[in-house]
Amino acid sequence: MASMRWTAWQIPGWHDDAWLREFYRNAFHPELIDDIAGWKPNVTGDSEHGRRLRASLEYLLEQQPADIDTWANITDYYFPSEGELYGFLLQVYDYFYGDREEEPYTPGP
């Protein structure tokens, strides 16, 4: 039996929250990814969007289901490797929900 390819629809909250889908498409878009700090005030509080984003990032970091091609299909941003993709997502998570004070660094595509 062939395995199904992973899609963004498997991200927790993806079905339920259009804002979450827009966050991934916009915050990680190549022209906007270096302005991710602008999203922080909207996602760090106790809002439903903030909780869904946190759960989605935790899922991505724990499962690491996306390859760089699938990620690029979702966001239009190509990371050179999965290691750099998940390293960046960890920086984003730590910046939004952890102790990281400086804005995440994006590796060049």
PDB file of N, CA and C in Angstrom:
ATOM      1  N   MET A   1       0.840  -1.170   0.000  1.00  0.00           N
ATOM      2  CA  MET A   1       0.000   0.000   0.000  1.00  0.00           C
ATOM      3  C   MET A   1       0.890   1.240   0.000  1.00  0.00           C
ATOM      4  N   ALA A   2       0.626   2.159  -0.886  1.00  0.00           N
ATOM      5  CA  ALA A   2       1.410   3.390  -0.989  1.00  0.00           C
ATOM      6  C   ALA A   2       1.052   4.336   0.150  1.00  0.00           C
ATOM      7  N   SER A   3       2.055   4.998   0.682  1.00  0.00           N
ATOM      8  CA  SER A   3       1.789   5.961   1.745  1.00  0.00           C
ATOM      9  C   SER A   3       1.365   7.287   1.127  1.00  0.00           C
ATOM     10  N   MET A   4       0.531   7.977   1.859  1.00  0.00           N
ATOM     11  CA  MET A   4       0.080   9.279   1.389  1.00  0.00           C
ATOM     12  C   MET A   4       1.157  10.317   1.660  1.00  0.00           C
ATOM     13  N   ARG A   5       1.346  11.208   0.725  1.00  0.00           N
ATOM     14  CA  ARG A   5       2.308  12.288   0.904  1.00  0.00           C
ATOM     15  C   ARG A   5       1.737  13.289   1.914  1.00  0.00           C
ATOM     16  N   TRP A   6       2.602  13.817   2.732  1.00  0.00           N
ATOM     17  CA  TRP A   6       2.188  14.779   3.742  1.00  0.00           C
ATOM     18  C   TRP A   6       1.747  16.063   3.058  1.00  0.00           C
ATOM     19  N   THR A   7       0.696  16.690   3.604  1.00  0.00           N
ATOM     20  CA  THR A   7       0.246  18.001   3.141  1.00  0.00           C
ATOM     21  C   THR A   7       0.017  18.899   4.353  1.00  0.00           C
ATOM     22  N   ALA A   8      -0.092  20.170   4.087  1.00  0.00           N
ATOM     23  CA  ALA A   8      -0.331  21.139   5.167  1.00  0.00           C
ATOM     24  C   ALA A   8      -1.648  20.891   5.872  1.00  0.00           C
ATOM     25  N   TRP A   9      -2.583  20.219   5.221  1.00  0.00           N
ATOM     26  CA  TRP A   9      -3.879  19.946   5.845  1.00  0.00           C
ATOM     27  C   TRP A   9      -3.739  19.064   7.076  1.00  0.00           C
ATOM     28  N   GLN A  10      -2.574  18.478   7.284  1.00  0.00           N
ATOM     29  CA  GLN A  10      -2.327  17.664   8.475  1.00  0.00           C
ATOM     30  C   GLN A  10      -1.821  18.497   9.661  1.00  0.00           C
ATOM     31  N   ILE A  11      -1.542  19.763   9.433  1.00  0.00           N
ATOM     32  CA  ILE A  11      -1.113  20.643  10.523  1.00  0.00           C
ATOM     33  C   ILE A  11      -2.314  20.884  11.442  1.00  0.00           C
ATOM     34  N   PRO A  12      -2.147  20.692  12.737  1.00  0.00           N
ATOM     35  CA  PRO A  12      -3.261  20.964  13.660  1.00  0.00           C
ATOM     36  C   PRO A  12      -3.790  22.383  13.505  1.00  0.00           C
ATOM     37  N   GLY A  13      -5.102  22.499  13.375  1.00  0.00           N
ATOM     38  CA  GLY A  13      -5.748  23.793  13.252  1.00  0.00           C
ATOM     39  C   GLY A  13      -5.892  24.289  11.819  1.00  0.00           C
ATOM     40  N   TRP A  14      -5.232  23.648  10.876  1.00  0.00           N
ATOM     41  CA  TRP A  14      -5.234  24.112   9.490  1.00  0.00           C
ATOM     42  C   TRP A  14      -6.649  24.170   8.918  1.00  0.00           C
ATOM     43  N   HIS A  15      -7.455  23.153   9.195  1.00  0.00           N
ATOM     44  CA  HIS A  15      -8.829  23.112   8.678  1.00  0.00           C
ATOM     45  C   HIS A  15      -9.697  24.197   9.299  1.00  0.00           C
ATOM     46  N   ASP A  16      -9.471  24.473  10.566  1.00  0.00           N
ATOM     47  CA  ASP A  16     -10.373  25.304  11.347  1.00  0.00           C
ATOM     48  C   ASP A  16     -10.077  26.793  11.321  1.00  0.00           C
ATOM     49  N   ASP A  17      -8.883  27.169  10.932  1.00  0.00           N
ATOM     50  CA  ASP A  17      -8.452  28.545  11.151  1.00  0.00           C
ATOM     51  C   ASP A  17      -7.841  29.136   9.882  1.00  0.00           C
ATOM     52  N   ALA A  18      -8.638  29.919   9.167  1.00  0.00           N
ATOM     53  CA  ALA A  18      -8.140  30.570   7.955  1.00  0.00           C
ATOM     54  C   ALA A  18      -6.971  31.502   8.289  1.00  0.00           C
ATOM     55  N   TRP A  19      -7.002  32.102   9.484  1.00  0.00           N
ATOM     56  CA  TRP A  19      -5.907  32.971   9.896  1.00  0.00           C
ATOM     57  C   TRP A  19      -4.597  32.191   9.948  1.00  0.00           C
ATOM     58  N   LEU A  20      -4.628  30.964  10.458  1.00  0.00           N
ATOM     59  CA  LEU A  20      -3.426  30.132  10.544  1.00  0.00           C
ATOM     60  C   LEU A  20      -2.869  29.856   9.149  1.00  0.00           C
ATOM     61  N   ARG A  21      -3.745  29.523   8.222  1.00  0.00           N
ATOM     62  CA  ARG A  21      -3.303  29.275   6.847  1.00  0.00           C
ATOM     63  C   ARG A  21      -2.679  30.535   6.251  1.00  0.00           C
ATOM     64  N   GLU A  22      -3.298  31.671   6.494  1.00  0.00           N
ATOM     65  CA  GLU A  22      -2.753  32.934   5.987  1.00  0.00           C
ATOM     66  C   GLU A  22      -1.422  33.275   6.653  1.00  0.00           C
ATOM     67  N   PHE A  23      -1.300  32.974   7.943  1.00  0.00           N
ATOM     68  CA  PHE A  23      -0.029  33.211   8.626  1.00  0.00           C
ATOM     69  C   PHE A  23       1.101  32.483   7.913  1.00  0.00           C
ATOM     70  N   TYR A  24       0.925  31.200   7.662  1.00  0.00           N
ATOM     71  CA  TYR A  24       1.988  30.430   7.013  1.00  0.00           C
ATOM     72  C   TYR A  24       2.271  30.952   5.606  1.00  0.00           C
ATOM     73  N   ARG A  25       1.257  31.285   4.868  1.00  0.00           N
ATOM     74  CA  ARG A  25       1.463  31.785   3.498  1.00  0.00           C
ATOM     75  C   ARG A  25       2.137  33.150   3.491  1.00  0.00           C
ATOM     76  N   ASN A  26       1.812  33.992   4.450  1.00  0.00           N
ATOM     77  CA  ASN A  26       2.342  35.354   4.463  1.00  0.00           C
ATOM     78  C   ASN A  26       3.613  35.508   5.296  1.00  0.00           C
ATOM     79  N   ALA A  27       3.636  34.993   6.499  1.00  0.00           N
ATOM     80  CA  ALA A  27       4.792  35.188   7.379  1.00  0.00           C
ATOM     81  C   ALA A  27       6.048  34.527   6.823  1.00  0.00           C
ATOM     82  N   PHE A  28       5.881  33.423   6.097  1.00  0.00           N
ATOM     83  CA  PHE A  28       7.033  32.705   5.557  1.00  0.00           C
ATOM     84  C   PHE A  28       7.222  32.949   4.057  1.00  0.00           C
ATOM     85  N   HIS A  29       6.495  33.891   3.504  1.00  0.00           N
ATOM     86  CA  HIS A  29       6.644  34.235   2.087  1.00  0.00           C
ATOM     87  C   HIS A  29       8.016  34.883   1.884  1.00  0.00           C
ATOM     88  N   PRO A  30       8.683  34.622   0.758  1.00  0.00           N
ATOM     89  CA  PRO A  30      10.041  35.153   0.552  1.00  0.00           C
ATOM     90  C   PRO A  30      10.169  36.661   0.716  1.00  0.00           C
ATOM     91  N   GLU A  31       9.160  37.398   0.329  1.00  0.00           N
ATOM     92  CA  GLU A  31       9.242  38.859   0.431  1.00  0.00           C
ATOM     93  C   GLU A  31       8.927  39.373   1.834  1.00  0.00           C
ATOM     94  N   LEU A  32       8.390  38.510   2.692  1.00  0.00           N
ATOM     95  CA  LEU A  32       7.951  38.953   4.017  1.00  0.00           C
ATOM     96  C   LEU A  32       8.634  38.227   5.168  1.00  0.00           C
ATOM     97  N   ILE A  33       9.358  37.157   4.884  1.00  0.00           N
ATOM     98  CA  ILE A  33       9.891  36.295   5.942  1.00  0.00           C
ATOM     99  C   ILE A  33      10.831  37.041   6.891  1.00  0.00           C
ATOM    100  N   ASP A  34      11.527  38.040   6.397  1.00  0.00           N
ATOM    101  CA  ASP A  34      12.447  38.771   7.270  1.00  0.00           C
ATOM    102  C   ASP A  34      11.740  39.804   8.138  1.00  0.00           C
ATOM    103  N   ASP A  35      10.426  39.894   8.024  1.00  0.00           N
ATOM    104  CA  ASP A  35       9.639  40.790   8.871  1.00  0.00           C
ATOM    105  C   ASP A  35       8.766  40.013   9.850  1.00  0.00           C
ATOM    106  N   ILE A  36       9.202  38.833  10.230  1.00  0.00           N
ATOM    107  CA  ILE A  36       8.381  37.967  11.081  1.00  0.00           C
ATOM    108  C   ILE A  36       8.135  38.594  12.452  1.00  0.00           C
ATOM    109  N   ALA A  37       8.984  39.512  12.857  1.00  0.00           N
ATOM    110  CA  ALA A  37       8.790  40.175  14.157  1.00  0.00           C
ATOM    111  C   ALA A  37       7.456  40.912  14.216  1.00  0.00           C
ATOM    112  N   GLY A  38       6.967  41.365  13.089  1.00  0.00           N
ATOM    113  CA  GLY A  38       5.693  42.066  13.059  1.00  0.00           C
ATOM    114  C   GLY A  38       4.511  41.207  13.466  1.00  0.00           C
ATOM    115  N   TRP A  39       4.669  39.903  13.389  1.00  0.00           N
ATOM    116  CA  TRP A  39       3.592  38.979  13.768  1.00  0.00           C
ATOM    117  C   TRP A  39       3.562  38.707  15.268  1.00  0.00           C
ATOM    118  N   LYS A  40       4.667  38.940  15.936  1.00  0.00           N
ATOM    119  CA  LYS A  40       4.792  38.545  17.345  1.00  0.00           C
ATOM    120  C   LYS A  40       3.683  39.084  18.247  1.00  0.00           C
ATOM    121  N   PRO A  41       3.328  40.349  18.174  1.00  0.00           N
ATOM    122  CA  PRO A  41       2.275  40.838  19.080  1.00  0.00           C
ATOM    123  C   PRO A  41       0.935  40.114  18.907  1.00  0.00           C
ATOM    124  N   ASN A  42       0.679  39.599  17.720  1.00  0.00           N
ATOM    125  CA  ASN A  42      -0.601  38.943  17.451  1.00  0.00           C
ATOM    126  C   ASN A  42      -0.641  37.469  17.834  1.00  0.00           C
ATOM    127  N   VAL A  43       0.512  36.889  18.144  1.00  0.00           N
ATOM    128  CA  VAL A  43       0.542  35.437  18.369  1.00  0.00           C
ATOM    129  C   VAL A  43       1.038  35.030  19.745  1.00  0.00           C
ATOM    130  N   THR A  44       1.505  35.972  20.535  1.00  0.00           N
ATOM    131  CA  THR A  44       2.090  35.581  21.810  1.00  0.00           C
ATOM    132  C   THR A  44       1.110  35.636  22.972  1.00  0.00           C
ATOM    133  N   GLY A  45      -0.028  36.232  22.784  1.00  0.00           N
ATOM    134  CA  GLY A  45      -1.007  36.294  23.860  1.00  0.00           C
ATOM    135  C   GLY A  45      -1.782  34.997  23.985  1.00  0.00           C
ATOM    136  N   ASP A  46      -2.855  35.058  24.705  1.00  0.00           N
ATOM    137  CA  ASP A  46      -3.668  33.867  24.944  1.00  0.00           C
ATOM    138  C   ASP A  46      -4.848  33.799  23.965  1.00  0.00           C
ATOM    139  N   SER A  47      -4.636  34.253  22.746  1.00  0.00           N
ATOM    140  CA  SER A  47      -5.709  34.205  21.754  1.00  0.00           C
ATOM    141  C   SER A  47      -5.818  32.801  21.168  1.00  0.00           C
ATOM    142  N   GLU A  48      -6.943  32.521  20.579  1.00  0.00           N
ATOM    143  CA  GLU A  48      -7.130  31.233  19.903  1.00  0.00           C
ATOM    144  C   GLU A  48      -6.117  31.072  18.770  1.00  0.00           C
ATOM    145  N   HIS A  49      -5.870  32.148  18.033  1.00  0.00           N
ATOM    146  CA  HIS A  49      -4.885  32.092  16.949  1.00  0.00           C
ATOM    147  C   HIS A  49      -3.498  31.768  17.497  1.00  0.00           C
ATOM    148  N   GLY A  50      -3.133  32.406  18.578  1.00  0.00           N
ATOM    149  CA  GLY A  50      -1.833  32.154  19.188  1.00  0.00           C
ATOM    150  C   GLY A  50      -1.686  30.719  19.652  1.00  0.00           C
ATOM    151  N   ARG A  51      -2.741  30.188  20.249  1.00  0.00           N
ATOM    152  CA  ARG A  51      -2.698  28.779  20.701  1.00  0.00           C
ATOM    153  C   ARG A  51      -2.599  27.829  19.512  1.00  0.00           C
ATOM    154  N   ARG A  52      -3.336  28.119  18.447  1.00  0.00           N
ATOM    155  CA  ARG A  52      -3.271  27.246  17.262  1.00  0.00           C
ATOM    156  C   ARG A  52      -1.905  27.332  16.584  1.00  0.00           C
ATOM    157  N   LEU A  53      -1.357  28.539  16.497  1.00  0.00           N
ATOM    158  CA  LEU A  53      -0.039  28.663  15.892  1.00  0.00           C
ATOM    159  C   LEU A  53       0.994  27.905  16.713  1.00  0.00           C
ATOM    160  N   ARG A  54       0.934  28.055  18.008  1.00  0.00           N
ATOM    161  CA  ARG A  54       1.893  27.346  18.871  1.00  0.00           C
ATOM    162  C   ARG A  54       1.772  25.835  18.678  1.00  0.00           C
ATOM    163  N   ALA A  55       0.549  25.320  18.679  1.00  0.00           N
ATOM    164  CA  ALA A  55       0.340  23.881  18.484  1.00  0.00           C
ATOM    165  C   ALA A  55       0.836  23.442  17.109  1.00  0.00           C
ATOM    166  N   SER A  56       0.627  24.273  16.106  1.00  0.00           N
ATOM    167  CA  SER A  56       1.073  23.892  14.761  1.00  0.00           C
ATOM    168  C   SER A  56       2.596  23.868  14.670  1.00  0.00           C
ATOM    169  N   LEU A  57       3.262  24.842  15.279  1.00  0.00           N
ATOM    170  CA  LEU A  57       4.725  24.847  15.278  1.00  0.00           C
ATOM    171  C   LEU A  57       5.281  23.675  16.077  1.00  0.00           C
ATOM    172  N   GLU A  58       4.652  23.364  17.210  1.00  0.00           N
ATOM    173  CA  GLU A  58       5.101  22.212  18.000  1.00  0.00           C
ATOM    174  C   GLU A  58       4.970  20.921  17.197  1.00  0.00           C
ATOM    175  N   TYR A  59       3.849  20.779  16.494  1.00  0.00           N
ATOM    176  CA  TYR A  59       3.655  19.610  15.635  1.00  0.00           C
ATOM    177  C   TYR A  59       4.749  19.530  14.568  1.00  0.00           C
ATOM    178  N   LEU A  60       4.991  20.637  13.876  1.00  0.00           N
ATOM    179  CA  LEU A  60       6.005  20.635  12.819  1.00  0.00           C
ATOM    180  C   LEU A  60       7.390  20.305  13.367  1.00  0.00           C
ATOM    181  N   LEU A  61       7.717  20.863  14.518  1.00  0.00           N
ATOM    182  CA  LEU A  61       9.041  20.611  15.100  1.00  0.00           C
ATOM    183  C   LEU A  61       9.183  19.187  15.617  1.00  0.00           C
ATOM    184  N   GLU A  62       8.124  18.633  16.187  1.00  0.00           N
ATOM    185  CA  GLU A  62       8.189  17.264  16.712  1.00  0.00           C
ATOM    186  C   GLU A  62       8.174  16.218  15.602  1.00  0.00           C
ATOM    187  N   GLN A  63       7.305  16.404  14.618  1.00  0.00           N
ATOM    188  CA  GLN A  63       7.123  15.400  13.567  1.00  0.00           C
ATOM    189  C   GLN A  63       8.043  15.608  12.359  1.00  0.00           C
ATOM    190  N   GLN A  64       8.422  16.844  12.094  1.00  0.00           N
ATOM    191  CA  GLN A  64       9.218  17.224  10.927  1.00  0.00           C
ATOM    192  C   GLN A  64       8.706  16.542   9.650  1.00  0.00           C
ATOM    193  N   PRO A  65       7.421  16.737   9.347  1.00  0.00           N
ATOM    194  CA  PRO A  65       6.809  16.018   8.234  1.00  0.00           C
ATOM    195  C   PRO A  65       7.034  16.638   6.855  1.00  0.00           C
ATOM    196  N   ALA A  66       7.341  17.922   6.796  1.00  0.00           N
ATOM    197  CA  ALA A  66       7.440  18.615   5.509  1.00  0.00           C
ATOM    198  C   ALA A  66       8.847  18.523   4.943  1.00  0.00           C
ATOM    199  N   ASP A  67       8.936  18.226   3.659  1.00  0.00           N
ATOM    200  CA  ASP A  67      10.220  18.358   2.984  1.00  0.00           C
ATOM    201  C   ASP A  67      10.291  19.765   2.393  1.00  0.00           C
ATOM    202  N   ILE A  68      11.430  20.116   1.840  1.00  0.00           N
ATOM    203  CA  ILE A  68      11.593  21.496   1.378  1.00  0.00           C
ATOM    204  C   ILE A  68      10.674  21.821   0.197  1.00  0.00           C
ATOM    205  N   ASP A  69      10.353  20.837  -0.629  1.00  0.00           N
ATOM    206  CA  ASP A  69       9.449  21.092  -1.752  1.00  0.00           C
ATOM    207  C   ASP A  69       8.023  21.339  -1.273  1.00  0.00           C
ATOM    208  N   THR A  70       7.565  20.535  -0.326  1.00  0.00           N
ATOM    209  CA  THR A  70       6.221  20.728   0.213  1.00  0.00           C
ATOM    210  C   THR A  70       6.132  22.071   0.921  1.00  0.00           C
ATOM    211  N   TRP A  71       7.158  22.410   1.689  1.00  0.00           N
ATOM    212  CA  TRP A  71       7.173  23.708   2.377  1.00  0.00           C
ATOM    213  C   TRP A  71       7.099  24.849   1.367  1.00  0.00           C
ATOM    214  N   ALA A  72       7.835  24.733   0.287  1.00  0.00           N
ATOM    215  CA  ALA A  72       7.811  25.777  -0.739  1.00  0.00           C
ATOM    216  C   ALA A  72       6.436  25.876  -1.396  1.00  0.00           C
ATOM    217  N   ASN A  73       5.744  24.758  -1.535  1.00  0.00           N
ATOM    218  CA  ASN A  73       4.387  24.801  -2.087  1.00  0.00           C
ATOM    219  C   ASN A  73       3.433  25.552  -1.169  1.00  0.00           C
ATOM    220  N   ILE A  74       3.665  25.472   0.132  1.00  0.00           N
ATOM    221  CA  ILE A  74       2.807  26.144   1.105  1.00  0.00           C
ATOM    222  C   ILE A  74       3.146  27.635   1.185  1.00  0.00           C
ATOM    223  N   THR A  75       4.425  27.965   1.186  1.00  0.00           N
ATOM    224  CA  THR A  75       4.863  29.319   1.526  1.00  0.00           C
ATOM    225  C   THR A  75       5.577  30.081   0.413  1.00  0.00           C
ATOM    226  N   ASP A  76       6.007  29.408  -0.628  1.00  0.00           N
ATOM    227  CA  ASP A  76       6.838  29.964  -1.709  1.00  0.00           C
ATOM    228  C   ASP A  76       8.278  30.205  -1.273  1.00  0.00           C
ATOM    229  N   TYR A  77       8.653  29.791  -0.070  1.00  0.00           N
ATOM    230  CA  TYR A  77      10.031  29.972   0.397  1.00  0.00           C
ATOM    231  C   TYR A  77      10.759  28.639   0.342  1.00  0.00           C
ATOM    232  N   TYR A  78      11.854  28.605  -0.404  1.00  0.00           N
ATOM    233  CA  TYR A  78      12.681  27.404  -0.506  1.00  0.00           C
ATOM    234  C   TYR A  78      13.833  27.483   0.478  1.00  0.00           C
ATOM    235  N   PHE A  79      13.872  26.552   1.400  1.00  0.00           N
ATOM    236  CA  PHE A  79      15.035  26.403   2.262  1.00  0.00           C
ATOM    237  C   PHE A  79      16.010  25.461   1.567  1.00  0.00           C
ATOM    238  N   PRO A  80      17.306  25.655   1.767  1.00  0.00           N
ATOM    239  CA  PRO A  80      18.289  24.786   1.120  1.00  0.00           C
ATOM    240  C   PRO A  80      18.223  23.328   1.593  1.00  0.00           C
ATOM    241  N   SER A  81      17.736  23.108   2.814  1.00  0.00           N
ATOM    242  CA  SER A  81      17.668  21.742   3.347  1.00  0.00           C
ATOM    243  C   SER A  81      16.585  21.681   4.425  1.00  0.00           C
ATOM    244  N   GLU A  82      16.160  20.451   4.736  1.00  0.00           N
ATOM    245  CA  GLU A  82      15.197  20.299   5.822  1.00  0.00           C
ATOM    246  C   GLU A  82      15.792  20.747   7.150  1.00  0.00           C
ATOM    247  N   GLY A  83      17.082  20.531   7.348  1.00  0.00           N
ATOM    248  CA  GLY A  83      17.724  20.974   8.578  1.00  0.00           C
ATOM    249  C   GLY A  83      17.608  22.471   8.776  1.00  0.00           C
ATOM    250  N   GLU A  84      17.786  23.229   7.695  1.00  0.00           N
ATOM    251  CA  GLU A  84      17.659  24.678   7.803  1.00  0.00           C
ATOM    252  C   GLU A  84      16.205  25.101   7.977  1.00  0.00           C
ATOM    253  N   LEU A  85      15.289  24.386   7.342  1.00  0.00           N
ATOM    254  CA  LEU A  85      13.859  24.658   7.523  1.00  0.00           C
ATOM    255  C   LEU A  85      13.471  24.495   8.983  1.00  0.00           C
ATOM    256  N   TYR A  86      13.785  23.339   9.558  1.00  0.00           N
ATOM    257  CA  TYR A  86      13.370  23.094  10.937  1.00  0.00           C
ATOM    258  C   TYR A  86      14.195  23.893  11.940  1.00  0.00           C
ATOM    259  N   GLY A  87      15.431  24.218  11.590  1.00  0.00           N
ATOM    260  CA  GLY A  87      16.214  25.113  12.435  1.00  0.00           C
ATOM    261  C   GLY A  87      15.580  26.495  12.499  1.00  0.00           C
ATOM    262  N   PHE A  88      15.096  26.977  11.351  1.00  0.00           N
ATOM    263  CA  PHE A  88      14.428  28.270  11.324  1.00  0.00           C
ATOM    264  C   PHE A  88      13.114  28.221  12.092  1.00  0.00           C
ATOM    265  N   LEU A  89      12.329  27.151  11.898  1.00  0.00           N
ATOM    266  CA  LEU A  89      11.064  27.035  12.641  1.00  0.00           C
ATOM    267  C   LEU A  89      11.304  27.002  14.144  1.00  0.00           C
ATOM    268  N   LEU A  90      12.387  26.364  14.566  1.00  0.00           N
ATOM    269  CA  LEU A  90      12.725  26.353  15.991  1.00  0.00           C
ATOM    270  C   LEU A  90      13.053  27.771  16.467  1.00  0.00           C
ATOM    271  N   GLN A  91      13.769  28.541  15.648  1.00  0.00           N
ATOM    272  CA  GLN A  91      14.048  29.931  16.010  1.00  0.00           C
ATOM    273  C   GLN A  91      12.751  30.734  16.130  1.00  0.00           C
ATOM    274  N   VAL A  92      11.824  30.520  15.191  1.00  0.00           N
ATOM    275  CA  VAL A  92      10.538  31.220  15.228  1.00  0.00           C
ATOM    276  C   VAL A  92       9.784  30.845  16.496  1.00  0.00           C
ATOM    277  N   TYR A  93       9.737  29.557  16.804  1.00  0.00           N
ATOM    278  CA  TYR A  93       9.035  29.097  18.004  1.00  0.00           C
ATOM    279  C   TYR A  93       9.651  29.726  19.253  1.00  0.00           C
ATOM    280  N   ASP A  94      10.971  29.688  19.346  1.00  0.00           N
ATOM    281  CA  ASP A  94      11.641  30.262  20.517  1.00  0.00           C
ATOM    282  C   ASP A  94      11.456  31.777  20.596  1.00  0.00           C
ATOM    283  N   TYR A  95      11.359  32.428  19.453  1.00  0.00           N
ATOM    284  CA  TYR A  95      11.143  33.878  19.425  1.00  0.00           C
ATOM    285  C   TYR A  95       9.722  34.222  19.876  1.00  0.00           C
ATOM    286  N   PHE A  96       8.743  33.469  19.419  1.00  0.00           N
ATOM    287  CA  PHE A  96       7.355  33.726  19.798  1.00  0.00           C
ATOM    288  C   PHE A  96       7.022  33.228  21.200  1.00  0.00           C
ATOM    289  N   TYR A  97       7.532  32.052  21.569  1.00  0.00           N
ATOM    290  CA  TYR A  97       7.052  31.396  22.791  1.00  0.00           C
ATOM    291  C   TYR A  97       8.154  31.064  23.799  1.00  0.00           C
ATOM    292  N   GLY A  98       9.384  31.315  23.450  1.00  0.00           N
ATOM    293  CA  GLY A  98      10.484  30.987  24.353  1.00  0.00           C
ATOM    294  C   GLY A  98      11.246  32.216  24.791  1.00  0.00           C
ATOM    295  N   ASP A  99      12.544  32.054  24.994  1.00  0.00           N
ATOM    296  CA  ASP A  99      13.398  33.112  25.521  1.00  0.00           C
ATOM    297  C   ASP A  99      14.174  33.889  24.462  1.00  0.00           C
ATOM    298  N   ARG A 100      14.016  33.524  23.200  1.00  0.00           N
ATOM    299  CA  ARG A 100      14.782  34.193  22.147  1.00  0.00           C
ATOM    300  C   ARG A 100      14.325  35.645  22.011  1.00  0.00           C
ATOM    301  N   GLU A 101      15.261  36.572  22.103  1.00  0.00           N
ATOM    302  CA  GLU A 101      14.930  37.993  21.999  1.00  0.00           C
ATOM    303  C   GLU A 101      15.140  38.535  20.595  1.00  0.00           C
ATOM    304  N   GLU A 102      16.145  38.005  19.893  1.00  0.00           N
ATOM    305  CA  GLU A 102      16.409  38.523  18.556  1.00  0.00           C
ATOM    306  C   GLU A 102      15.525  37.812  17.521  1.00  0.00           C
ATOM    307  N   GLU A 103      15.178  38.562  16.508  1.00  0.00           N
ATOM    308  CA  GLU A 103      14.353  38.031  15.419  1.00  0.00           C
ATOM    309  C   GLU A 103      15.078  36.853  14.756  1.00  0.00           C
ATOM    310  N   PRO A 104      14.337  35.847  14.335  1.00  0.00           N
ATOM    311  CA  PRO A 104      14.965  34.678  13.698  1.00  0.00           C
ATOM    312  C   PRO A 104      15.742  35.043  12.443  1.00  0.00           C
ATOM    313  N   TYR A 105      16.815  34.313  12.233  1.00  0.00           N
ATOM    314  CA  TYR A 105      17.676  34.477  11.064  1.00  0.00           C
ATOM    315  C   TYR A 105      17.187  33.557   9.955  1.00  0.00           C
ATOM    316  N   THR A 106      17.019  34.086   8.741  1.00  0.00           N
ATOM    317  CA  THR A 106      16.617  33.247   7.614  1.00  0.00           C
ATOM    318  C   THR A 106      17.825  32.935   6.755  1.00  0.00           C
ATOM    319  N   PRO A 107      18.066  31.648   6.537  1.00  0.00           N
ATOM    320  CA  PRO A 107      19.148  31.294   5.608  1.00  0.00           C
ATOM    321  C   PRO A 107      18.733  31.649   4.190  1.00  0.00           C
ATOM    322  N   GLY A 108      19.667  31.923   3.349  1.00  0.00           N
ATOM    323  CA  GLY A 108      19.361  32.259   1.960  1.00  0.00           C
ATOM    324  C   GLY A 108      18.792  31.076   1.217  1.00  0.00           C
ATOM    325  N   PRO A 109      17.881  31.333   0.282  1.00  0.00           N
ATOM    326  CA  PRO A 109      17.309  30.234  -0.508  1.00  0.00           C
ATOM    327  C   PRO A 109      18.310  29.655  -1.481  1.00  0.00           C
TER     328      PRO A 109
END
